[in-house]
Amino acid sequence: MEAAPSLVPMRLVRWEVRLLGQVPMRPLRVTTEVLREGRRVQLVEAALHGDAGVVCRATGLRIRVLEEDLDLPAGDGTLPPPPGPEQARTTEFVSRSHSYIETGVEMRFLHGSMRPTGPAAVWARLTCAVVEGEEPSPLTRVAAVADFGNGISALVPWESWLFINAELTVYVHRPPRGEWICVDARTELSTTGAGVAHSVLSDEEGSIGHALQALLVDRR
């Protein structure tokens, strides 16, 4: 969606990912389509194709890039940066047979852990390319860790409960900088079997956006 053609320079400020089925662990194909063209706002859709059809769809909102920064009042509302990754700690993972969080990223916790202890904050960075031979873009680095919120801020044990996100929506108000992204998350659950996880996303200069996940909650 970042690379979709546009009439003027654009940047991605919001994306919503809808998971339509189990994503197979094999090479996948991505297609994109411009749903609404414009010079100030553009709507783009991407689809992830497996052997059996589309397993995931995403809608992205892009806005025009200004040639010069706006002269905004002092204090733009950006939250100050959390303590950096060098002040965080590694933690023991819940083994998931060489899962992505064990092999694809480095994680350092400021507080909380992968155990169900409630609100947590973790610095994370990619340790490999998403697409072989391509350097991950700054937004790719955000997208790669933005759905960690429900996992790191779990309230109930993985072994006996499901609290999976059926979708993910991410908002970014400025381009991220650097490899490390901090996910500061909390989860709220309901006895009706639904929940929501909310994460504040930051780089080492301050907040860059937010991530929201709608959760399906059930006993295993």
C-alpha atoms as a PDB file:
ATOM      1  CA  MET A   1       0.000   0.000   0.000  1.00  0.00           C
ATOM      2  CA  GLU A   2       2.962   2.323   0.605  1.00  0.00           C
ATOM      3  CA  ALA A   3       4.092   1.779  -2.982  1.00  0.00           C
ATOM      4  CA  ALA A   4       0.692   2.220  -4.696  1.00  0.00           C
ATOM      5  CA  PRO A   5       0.714   4.888  -7.444  1.00  0.00           C
ATOM      6  CA  SER A   6      -0.728   8.309  -6.557  1.00  0.00           C
ATOM      7  CA  LEU A   7      -1.321  11.685  -8.168  1.00  0.00           C
ATOM      8  CA  VAL A   8       0.873  13.477  -5.609  1.00  0.00           C
ATOM      9  CA  PRO A   9       3.312  12.251  -2.932  1.00  0.00           C
ATOM     10  CA  MET A  10       1.352  10.399  -0.244  1.00  0.00           C
ATOM     11  CA  ARG A  11       2.087   8.663   3.032  1.00  0.00           C
ATOM     12  CA  LEU A  12       0.184   5.930   4.831  1.00  0.00           C
ATOM     13  CA  VAL A  13      -1.427   7.164   8.081  1.00  0.00           C
ATOM     14  CA  ARG A  14      -3.917   4.381   8.837  1.00  0.00           C
ATOM     15  CA  TRP A  15      -4.325   0.737   7.929  1.00  0.00           C
ATOM     16  CA  GLU A  16      -6.923  -1.841   8.921  1.00  0.00           C
ATOM     17  CA  VAL A  17      -6.118  -5.537   8.558  1.00  0.00           C
ATOM     18  CA  ARG A  18      -8.907  -8.135   8.430  1.00  0.00           C
ATOM     19  CA  LEU A  19      -7.912 -11.764   8.888  1.00  0.00           C
ATOM     20  CA  LEU A  20     -10.173 -13.966   6.747  1.00  0.00           C
ATOM     21  CA  GLY A  21      -8.587 -17.344   7.391  1.00  0.00           C
ATOM     22  CA  GLN A  22      -5.510 -19.173   8.544  1.00  0.00           C
ATOM     23  CA  VAL A  23      -2.420 -17.821   6.798  1.00  0.00           C
ATOM     24  CA  PRO A  24      -0.333 -20.726   5.439  1.00  0.00           C
ATOM     25  CA  MET A  25       3.409 -20.909   6.124  1.00  0.00           C
ATOM     26  CA  ARG A  26       4.429 -20.793   2.474  1.00  0.00           C
ATOM     27  CA  PRO A  27       5.115 -18.117  -0.153  1.00  0.00           C
ATOM     28  CA  LEU A  28       2.152 -15.761  -0.579  1.00  0.00           C
ATOM     29  CA  ARG A  29       1.094 -13.258  -3.229  1.00  0.00           C
ATOM     30  CA  VAL A  30       0.058  -9.642  -2.565  1.00  0.00           C
ATOM     31  CA  THR A  31      -2.146  -7.491  -4.810  1.00  0.00           C
ATOM     32  CA  THR A  32      -3.094  -3.820  -4.360  1.00  0.00           C
ATOM     33  CA  GLU A  33      -5.851  -1.624  -5.765  1.00  0.00           C
ATOM     34  CA  VAL A  34      -6.577   2.095  -5.475  1.00  0.00           C
ATOM     35  CA  LEU A  35     -10.204   2.313  -4.287  1.00  0.00           C
ATOM     36  CA  ARG A  36     -10.443   6.107  -4.208  1.00  0.00           C
ATOM     37  CA  GLU A  37      -8.025   8.449  -5.891  1.00  0.00           C
ATOM     38  CA  GLY A  38      -7.408  12.010  -4.772  1.00  0.00           C
ATOM     39  CA  ARG A  39      -4.818  14.728  -4.351  1.00  0.00           C
ATOM     40  CA  ARG A  40      -5.311  15.095  -0.592  1.00  0.00           C
ATOM     41  CA  VAL A  41      -6.645  11.692   0.505  1.00  0.00           C
ATOM     42  CA  GLN A  42      -6.345   8.291  -1.140  1.00  0.00           C
ATOM     43  CA  LEU A  43      -7.872   4.919  -0.197  1.00  0.00           C
ATOM     44  CA  VAL A  44      -5.946   1.768  -1.082  1.00  0.00           C
ATOM     45  CA  GLU A  45      -6.734  -1.929  -0.592  1.00  0.00           C
ATOM     46  CA  ALA A  46      -4.306  -4.850  -0.426  1.00  0.00           C
ATOM     47  CA  ALA A  47      -5.062  -8.580  -0.470  1.00  0.00           C
ATOM     48  CA  LEU A  48      -2.911 -11.498   0.624  1.00  0.00           C
ATOM     49  CA  HIS A  49      -3.444 -14.606  -1.506  1.00  0.00           C
ATOM     50  CA  GLY A  50      -2.747 -18.203  -0.497  1.00  0.00           C
ATOM     51  CA  ASP A  51      -3.312 -21.394  -2.465  1.00  0.00           C
ATOM     52  CA  ALA A  52      -6.990 -21.507  -1.448  1.00  0.00           C
ATOM     53  CA  GLY A  53      -7.734 -17.829  -2.102  1.00  0.00           C
ATOM     54  CA  VAL A  54      -7.595 -14.558  -0.166  1.00  0.00           C
ATOM     55  CA  VAL A  55      -6.622 -15.067   3.479  1.00  0.00           C
ATOM     56  CA  CYS A  56      -6.278 -11.412   4.483  1.00  0.00           C
ATOM     57  CA  ARG A  57      -7.411  -7.980   3.294  1.00  0.00           C
ATOM     58  CA  ALA A  58      -6.185  -4.567   4.353  1.00  0.00           C
ATOM     59  CA  THR A  59      -7.428  -1.049   3.689  1.00  0.00           C
ATOM     60  CA  GLY A  60      -4.988   1.838   3.853  1.00  0.00           C
ATOM     61  CA  LEU A  61      -5.620   5.581   4.126  1.00  0.00           C
ATOM     62  CA  ARG A  62      -2.953   7.845   2.640  1.00  0.00           C
ATOM     63  CA  ILE A  63      -2.747  11.644   2.880  1.00  0.00           C
ATOM     64  CA  ARG A  64      -0.739  14.129   0.857  1.00  0.00           C
ATOM     65  CA  VAL A  65       2.823  14.993   1.891  1.00  0.00           C
ATOM     66  CA  LEU A  66       3.454  18.714   2.395  1.00  0.00           C
ATOM     67  CA  GLU A  67       6.517  20.296   0.830  1.00  0.00           C
ATOM     68  CA  GLU A  68       7.149  22.303   4.021  1.00  0.00           C
ATOM     69  CA  ASP A  69       6.313  21.606   7.663  1.00  0.00           C
ATOM     70  CA  LEU A  70       3.349  23.464   9.148  1.00  0.00           C
ATOM     71  CA  ASP A  71       4.012  26.228  11.653  1.00  0.00           C
ATOM     72  CA  LEU A  72       2.140  24.616  14.553  1.00  0.00           C
ATOM     73  CA  PRO A  73       1.873  26.042  18.080  1.00  0.00           C
ATOM     74  CA  ALA A  74       4.562  24.942  20.528  1.00  0.00           C
ATOM     75  CA  GLY A  75       3.910  21.396  21.708  1.00  0.00           C
ATOM     76  CA  ASP A  76       2.399  19.162  19.055  1.00  0.00           C
ATOM     77  CA  GLY A  77       0.878  16.691  21.529  1.00  0.00           C
ATOM     78  CA  THR A  78       3.474  13.989  20.911  1.00  0.00           C
ATOM     79  CA  LEU A  79       4.003  11.924  24.038  1.00  0.00           C
ATOM     80  CA  PRO A  80       7.590  11.890  25.332  1.00  0.00           C
ATOM     81  CA  PRO A  81       9.622   8.776  24.552  1.00  0.00           C
ATOM     82  CA  PRO A  82       9.590   5.909  27.024  1.00  0.00           C
ATOM     83  CA  PRO A  83      12.889   4.689  28.506  1.00  0.00           C
ATOM     84  CA  GLY A  84      14.972   3.366  25.628  1.00  0.00           C
ATOM     85  CA  PRO A  85      15.582  -0.265  24.625  1.00  0.00           C
ATOM     86  CA  GLU A  86      18.988  -0.209  26.319  1.00  0.00           C
ATOM     87  CA  GLN A  87      17.126   0.208  29.639  1.00  0.00           C
ATOM     88  CA  ALA A  88      14.726  -2.677  28.959  1.00  0.00           C
ATOM     89  CA  ARG A  89      15.211  -6.375  29.629  1.00  0.00           C
ATOM     90  CA  THR A  90      14.862  -9.587  27.687  1.00  0.00           C
ATOM     91  CA  THR A  91      12.371 -12.109  29.010  1.00  0.00           C
ATOM     92  CA  GLU A  92      11.570 -15.777  28.728  1.00  0.00           C
ATOM     93  CA  PHE A  93       9.160 -16.595  25.900  1.00  0.00           C
ATOM     94  CA  VAL A  94       6.171 -18.893  26.004  1.00  0.00           C
ATOM     95  CA  SER A  95       7.485 -21.538  23.597  1.00  0.00           C
ATOM     96  CA  ARG A  96       5.493 -21.667  20.370  1.00  0.00           C
ATOM     97  CA  SER A  97       7.673 -23.940  18.226  1.00  0.00           C
ATOM     98  CA  HIS A  98       9.988 -21.322  16.699  1.00  0.00           C
ATOM     99  CA  SER A  99       7.225 -18.776  16.221  1.00  0.00           C
ATOM    100  CA  TYR A 100       7.703 -15.354  14.672  1.00  0.00           C
ATOM    101  CA  ILE A 101       8.145 -13.615  18.041  1.00  0.00           C
ATOM    102  CA  GLU A 102      10.950 -16.050  18.878  1.00  0.00           C
ATOM    103  CA  THR A 103      12.788 -15.976  15.548  1.00  0.00           C
ATOM    104  CA  GLY A 104      11.776 -12.819  13.626  1.00  0.00           C
ATOM    105  CA  VAL A 105      12.104 -10.068  16.228  1.00  0.00           C
ATOM    106  CA  GLU A 106      14.161  -9.007  19.207  1.00  0.00           C
ATOM    107  CA  MET A 107      12.060  -7.977  22.217  1.00  0.00           C
ATOM    108  CA  ARG A 108      13.044  -6.099  25.377  1.00  0.00           C
ATOM    109  CA  PHE A 109      10.435  -5.424  28.081  1.00  0.00           C
ATOM    110  CA  LEU A 110      10.180  -2.205  30.072  1.00  0.00           C
ATOM    111  CA  HIS A 111       7.496  -3.804  32.241  1.00  0.00           C
ATOM    112  CA  GLY A 112       5.329  -6.902  32.016  1.00  0.00           C
ATOM    113  CA  SER A 113       6.282 -10.086  30.140  1.00  0.00           C
ATOM    114  CA  MET A 114       4.924 -12.726  27.788  1.00  0.00           C
ATOM    115  CA  ARG A 115       3.152 -14.233  30.808  1.00  0.00           C
ATOM    116  CA  PRO A 116      -0.443 -13.101  31.566  1.00  0.00           C
ATOM    117  CA  THR A 117       0.371 -10.222  33.915  1.00  0.00           C
ATOM    118  CA  GLY A 118      -1.716  -7.418  32.417  1.00  0.00           C
ATOM    119  CA  PRO A 119      -0.467  -4.102  30.943  1.00  0.00           C
ATOM    120  CA  ALA A 120       3.004  -4.267  29.453  1.00  0.00           C
ATOM    121  CA  ALA A 121       5.466  -2.255  27.385  1.00  0.00           C
ATOM    122  CA  VAL A 122       8.064  -3.782  25.086  1.00  0.00           C
ATOM    123  CA  TRP A 123      10.641  -2.519  22.626  1.00  0.00           C
ATOM    124  CA  ALA A 124      10.780  -4.679  19.506  1.00  0.00           C
ATOM    125  CA  ARG A 125      12.723  -4.664  16.259  1.00  0.00           C
ATOM    126  CA  LEU A 126      12.825  -6.870  13.196  1.00  0.00           C
ATOM    127  CA  THR A 127      15.840  -9.179  12.921  1.00  0.00           C
ATOM    128  CA  CYS A 128      15.190 -10.245   9.326  1.00  0.00           C
ATOM    129  CA  ALA A 129      13.640  -8.933   6.121  1.00  0.00           C
ATOM    130  CA  VAL A 130       9.898  -9.315   5.569  1.00  0.00           C
ATOM    131  CA  VAL A 131      10.471  -9.658   1.822  1.00  0.00           C
ATOM    132  CA  GLU A 132      13.756 -11.333   0.941  1.00  0.00           C
ATOM    133  CA  GLY A 133      16.267  -8.880  -0.461  1.00  0.00           C
ATOM    134  CA  GLU A 134      14.318  -5.745   0.560  1.00  0.00           C
ATOM    135  CA  GLU A 135      15.190  -3.419   3.437  1.00  0.00           C
ATOM    136  CA  PRO A 136      12.061  -3.004   5.619  1.00  0.00           C
ATOM    137  CA  SER A 137      10.591   0.496   5.428  1.00  0.00           C
ATOM    138  CA  PRO A 138       9.949   2.376   8.677  1.00  0.00           C
ATOM    139  CA  LEU A 139       6.208   1.628   8.421  1.00  0.00           C
ATOM    140  CA  THR A 140       6.947  -2.030   7.723  1.00  0.00           C
ATOM    141  CA  ARG A 141       8.819  -2.118  11.024  1.00  0.00           C
ATOM    142  CA  VAL A 142       5.759  -0.665  12.765  1.00  0.00           C
ATOM    143  CA  ALA A 143       3.338  -3.055  11.047  1.00  0.00           C
ATOM    144  CA  ALA A 144       5.522  -6.025  11.989  1.00  0.00           C
ATOM    145  CA  VAL A 145       5.055  -5.439  15.743  1.00  0.00           C
ATOM    146  CA  ALA A 146       1.810  -3.429  16.018  1.00  0.00           C
ATOM    147  CA  ASP A 147      -0.307  -6.520  16.720  1.00  0.00           C
ATOM    148  CA  PHE A 148       1.774  -7.570  19.754  1.00  0.00           C
ATOM    149  CA  GLY A 149      -0.553  -5.654  22.088  1.00  0.00           C
ATOM    150  CA  ASN A 150      -3.001  -8.427  22.991  1.00  0.00           C
ATOM    151  CA  GLY A 151      -0.161 -10.915  23.480  1.00  0.00           C
ATOM    152  CA  ILE A 152       2.043  -8.869  25.776  1.00  0.00           C
ATOM    153  CA  SER A 153      -0.845  -7.480  27.880  1.00  0.00           C
ATOM    154  CA  ALA A 154      -2.686 -10.793  28.327  1.00  0.00           C
ATOM    155  CA  LEU A 155      -4.994 -11.066  31.334  1.00  0.00           C
ATOM    156  CA  VAL A 156      -5.699 -14.818  31.181  1.00  0.00           C
ATOM    157  CA  PRO A 157      -3.383 -17.814  30.535  1.00  0.00           C
ATOM    158  CA  TRP A 158      -2.534 -18.797  26.943  1.00  0.00           C
ATOM    159  CA  GLU A 159      -2.839 -22.476  27.865  1.00  0.00           C
ATOM    160  CA  SER A 160      -6.557 -22.356  28.711  1.00  0.00           C
ATOM    161  CA  TRP A 161      -7.904 -19.258  26.949  1.00  0.00           C
ATOM    162  CA  LEU A 162      -8.156 -17.791  23.450  1.00  0.00           C
ATOM    163  CA  PHE A 163      -7.974 -14.009  23.039  1.00  0.00           C
ATOM    164  CA  ILE A 164      -7.074 -13.704  19.382  1.00  0.00           C
ATOM    165  CA  ASN A 165      -7.364 -10.559  17.317  1.00  0.00           C
ATOM    166  CA  ALA A 166      -9.667 -10.889  14.316  1.00  0.00           C
ATOM    167  CA  GLU A 167      -8.477  -7.525  13.016  1.00  0.00           C
ATOM    168  CA  LEU A 168      -5.895  -4.814  13.600  1.00  0.00           C
ATOM    169  CA  THR A 169      -6.178  -1.056  13.045  1.00  0.00           C
ATOM    170  CA  VAL A 170      -3.093   1.161  13.220  1.00  0.00           C
ATOM    171  CA  TYR A 171      -2.881   4.965  13.150  1.00  0.00           C
ATOM    172  CA  VAL A 172       0.401   6.867  12.745  1.00  0.00           C
ATOM    173  CA  HIS A 173       0.610  10.655  13.019  1.00  0.00           C
ATOM    174  CA  ARG A 174       4.255  10.923  11.969  1.00  0.00           C
ATOM    175  CA  PRO A 175       6.789   8.714  10.185  1.00  0.00           C
ATOM    176  CA  PRO A 176       8.733   6.468  12.588  1.00  0.00           C
ATOM    177  CA  ARG A 177      12.500   6.674  12.817  1.00  0.00           C
ATOM    178  CA  GLY A 178      14.988   3.953  13.708  1.00  0.00           C
ATOM    179  CA  GLU A 179      14.710   0.181  14.052  1.00  0.00           C
ATOM    180  CA  TRP A 180      13.135  -0.021  17.515  1.00  0.00           C
ATOM    181  CA  ILE A 181       9.383   0.387  18.097  1.00  0.00           C
ATOM    182  CA  CYS A 182       7.857   0.457  21.584  1.00  0.00           C
ATOM    183  CA  VAL A 183       4.426  -1.132  22.110  1.00  0.00           C
ATOM    184  CA  ASP A 184       2.795   0.014  25.369  1.00  0.00           C
ATOM    185  CA  ALA A 185      -0.368  -2.076  25.655  1.00  0.00           C
ATOM    186  CA  ARG A 186      -3.339  -2.896  27.825  1.00  0.00           C
ATOM    187  CA  THR A 187      -6.206  -5.337  27.240  1.00  0.00           C
ATOM    188  CA  GLU A 188      -9.843  -5.167  28.368  1.00  0.00           C
ATOM    189  CA  LEU A 189     -12.019  -8.298  28.267  1.00  0.00           C
ATOM    190  CA  SER A 190     -15.760  -8.863  28.597  1.00  0.00           C
ATOM    191  CA  THR A 191     -17.717 -11.857  29.902  1.00  0.00           C
ATOM    192  CA  THR A 192     -19.647 -11.687  26.609  1.00  0.00           C
ATOM    193  CA  GLY A 193     -16.606 -13.141  24.821  1.00  0.00           C
ATOM    194  CA  ALA A 194     -15.191  -9.970  23.285  1.00  0.00           C
ATOM    195  CA  GLY A 195     -12.285  -7.719  24.115  1.00  0.00           C
ATOM    196  CA  VAL A 196     -10.085  -4.902  22.895  1.00  0.00           C
ATOM    197  CA  ALA A 197      -6.350  -4.292  23.118  1.00  0.00           C
ATOM    198  CA  HIS A 198      -5.025  -0.727  22.868  1.00  0.00           C
ATOM    199  CA  SER A 199      -1.361   0.076  22.272  1.00  0.00           C
ATOM    200  CA  VAL A 200       0.565   3.340  22.190  1.00  0.00           C
ATOM    201  CA  LEU A 201       3.319   3.072  19.581  1.00  0.00           C
ATOM    202  CA  SER A 202       6.576   5.030  19.991  1.00  0.00           C
ATOM    203  CA  ASP A 203      10.063   5.284  18.592  1.00  0.00           C
ATOM    204  CA  GLU A 204      13.066   6.615  20.508  1.00  0.00           C
ATOM    205  CA  GLU A 205      11.946  10.210  19.850  1.00  0.00           C
ATOM    206  CA  GLY A 206       8.382   9.901  21.193  1.00  0.00           C
ATOM    207  CA  SER A 207       4.939   8.591  20.293  1.00  0.00           C
ATOM    208  CA  ILE A 208       4.148   7.879  16.643  1.00  0.00           C
ATOM    209  CA  GLY A 209       0.608   6.465  16.824  1.00  0.00           C
ATOM    210  CA  HIS A 210      -1.812   3.895  18.184  1.00  0.00           C
ATOM    211  CA  ALA A 211      -2.953   0.341  17.482  1.00  0.00           C
ATOM    212  CA  LEU A 212      -6.351  -1.198  18.271  1.00  0.00           C
ATOM    213  CA  GLN A 213      -7.326  -4.868  18.128  1.00  0.00           C
ATOM    214  CA  ALA A 214     -10.798  -6.406  18.402  1.00  0.00           C
ATOM    215  CA  LEU A 215     -10.463  -9.684  20.312  1.00  0.00           C
ATOM    216  CA  LEU A 216     -12.334 -12.980  20.208  1.00  0.00           C
ATOM    217  CA  VAL A 217     -12.314 -14.402  23.743  1.00  0.00           C
ATOM    218  CA  ASP A 218     -13.157 -18.037  24.585  1.00  0.00           C
ATOM    219  CA  ARG A 219     -11.971 -21.083  26.487  1.00  0.00           C
ATOM    220  CA  ARG A 220      -9.790 -23.476  24.555  1.00  0.00           C
END
